[in-house]
Amino acid sequence: MNKGEFVKAVAEKANYTQKDAGVLFDAVIDTIVSVLKSGEKIQIPGFGSFELTKKPATTKMNPLTKKPVKVAACNVPKFKFGKSFKAIFND
């Protein structure tokens, strides 16, 4: 399912227009991004949690040249599903 199909499915389920559902989807994504950038964690009970983790700088091996390559430190967004959400699929 791509973004357009997802927005259409949400619009049908919530009885919204596709345009309104698309605006809502974009607002949710923008909010998640801005909250994570500010350093906060988002916890949604029954669904999961979003957080930003820091990956330290490392040295990796280029598989083609076999030479070491420095990889800069970076921030990585992570999502972890909650137990109750996972349980829905494992009844």
Protein backbone atom coordinates (compact mmCIF):
# COMPACT_ATOMS: atom_id res chain seq x y z
CA MET A 1 0.00 0.00 0.00
CA ASN A 2 1.38 3.40 -0.95
CA LYS A 3 0.58 6.81 0.55
CA GLY A 4 -2.29 7.53 -1.84
CA GLU A 5 -3.96 4.19 -1.17
CA PHE A 6 -3.48 4.65 2.57
CA VAL A 7 -4.99 8.15 2.52
CA LYS A 8 -7.94 6.86 0.47
CA ALA A 9 -8.55 4.01 2.95
CA VAL A 10 -8.41 6.40 5.92
CA ALA A 11 -10.76 8.83 4.16
CA GLU A 12 -13.30 6.07 3.55
CA LYS A 13 -13.07 4.74 7.11
CA ALA A 14 -13.33 8.17 8.77
CA ASN A 15 -15.89 9.51 6.28
CA TYR A 16 -13.56 12.36 5.20
CA THR A 17 -12.64 13.56 1.75
CA GLN A 18 -9.35 12.28 0.39
CA LYS A 19 -8.02 15.85 0.44
CA ASP A 20 -8.86 16.25 4.15
CA ALA A 21 -7.38 12.84 4.99
CA GLY A 22 -4.23 13.78 3.05
CA VAL A 23 -3.89 17.04 4.99
CA LEU A 24 -4.38 15.15 8.26
CA PHE A 25 -1.78 12.52 7.27
CA ASP A 26 0.77 15.22 6.38
CA ALA A 27 0.06 17.03 9.66
CA VAL A 28 0.64 13.84 11.67
CA ILE A 29 3.96 13.17 9.91
CA ASP A 30 5.08 16.80 10.32
CA THR A 31 4.21 16.70 14.02
CA ILE A 32 6.15 13.47 14.55
CA VAL A 33 9.18 14.97 12.79
CA SER A 34 9.10 18.22 14.77
CA VAL A 35 8.65 16.45 18.12
CA LEU A 36 11.53 14.05 17.43
CA LYS A 37 13.76 16.91 16.25
CA SER A 38 13.11 18.68 19.55
CA GLY A 39 14.48 15.63 21.38
CA GLU A 40 11.20 14.37 22.80
CA LYS A 41 9.80 10.85 22.60
CA ILE A 42 6.24 10.12 21.42
CA GLN A 43 4.35 7.33 23.18
CA ILE A 44 0.96 6.24 21.88
CA PRO A 45 -0.57 3.66 24.24
CA GLY A 46 -1.90 0.63 22.41
CA PHE A 47 0.20 1.43 19.32
CA GLY A 48 3.88 2.16 20.00
CA SER A 49 6.55 4.78 20.50
CA PHE A 50 8.74 6.99 18.33
CA GLU A 51 12.15 8.16 19.48
CA LEU A 52 15.36 9.60 18.06
CA THR A 53 18.54 7.67 18.83
CA LYS A 54 22.13 8.73 18.25
CA LYS A 55 24.47 6.48 16.29
CA PRO A 56 28.12 7.14 17.13
CA ALA A 57 30.76 7.64 14.45
CA THR A 58 32.31 4.37 13.31
CA THR A 59 34.74 2.97 10.79
CA LYS A 60 33.35 0.48 8.28
CA MET A 61 34.95 -1.56 5.51
CA ASN A 62 34.20 -0.77 1.86
CA PRO A 63 33.37 -4.22 0.41
CA LEU A 64 34.70 -3.35 -3.05
CA THR A 65 38.01 -1.74 -2.17
CA LYS A 66 38.51 -3.36 1.27
CA LYS A 67 39.57 0.04 2.58
CA PRO A 68 38.25 1.51 5.83
CA VAL A 69 35.65 4.26 5.50
CA LYS A 70 34.73 6.69 8.26
CA VAL A 71 30.99 6.94 8.90
CA ALA A 72 29.88 10.12 10.65
CA ALA A 73 27.69 10.13 13.73
CA CYS A 74 24.00 10.62 12.99
CA ASN A 75 20.54 10.64 14.51
CA VAL A 76 18.20 7.79 13.58
CA PRO A 77 14.43 7.79 14.13
CA LYS A 78 13.10 4.53 15.58
CA PHE A 79 9.63 3.13 16.08
CA LYS A 80 8.79 0.30 18.44
CA PHE A 81 5.36 -1.33 18.38
CA GLY A 82 3.62 -1.78 21.74
CA LYS A 83 2.82 -5.19 23.21
CA SER A 84 -0.93 -4.83 22.83
CA PHE A 85 -0.59 -3.85 19.15
CA LYS A 86 1.67 -6.83 18.44
CA ALA A 87 -0.76 -9.10 20.27
CA ILE A 88 -3.47 -8.29 17.69
CA PHE A 89 -1.51 -10.24 15.09
CA ASN A 90 -0.62 -13.19 17.32
CA ASP A 91 -3.93 -14.41 18.71
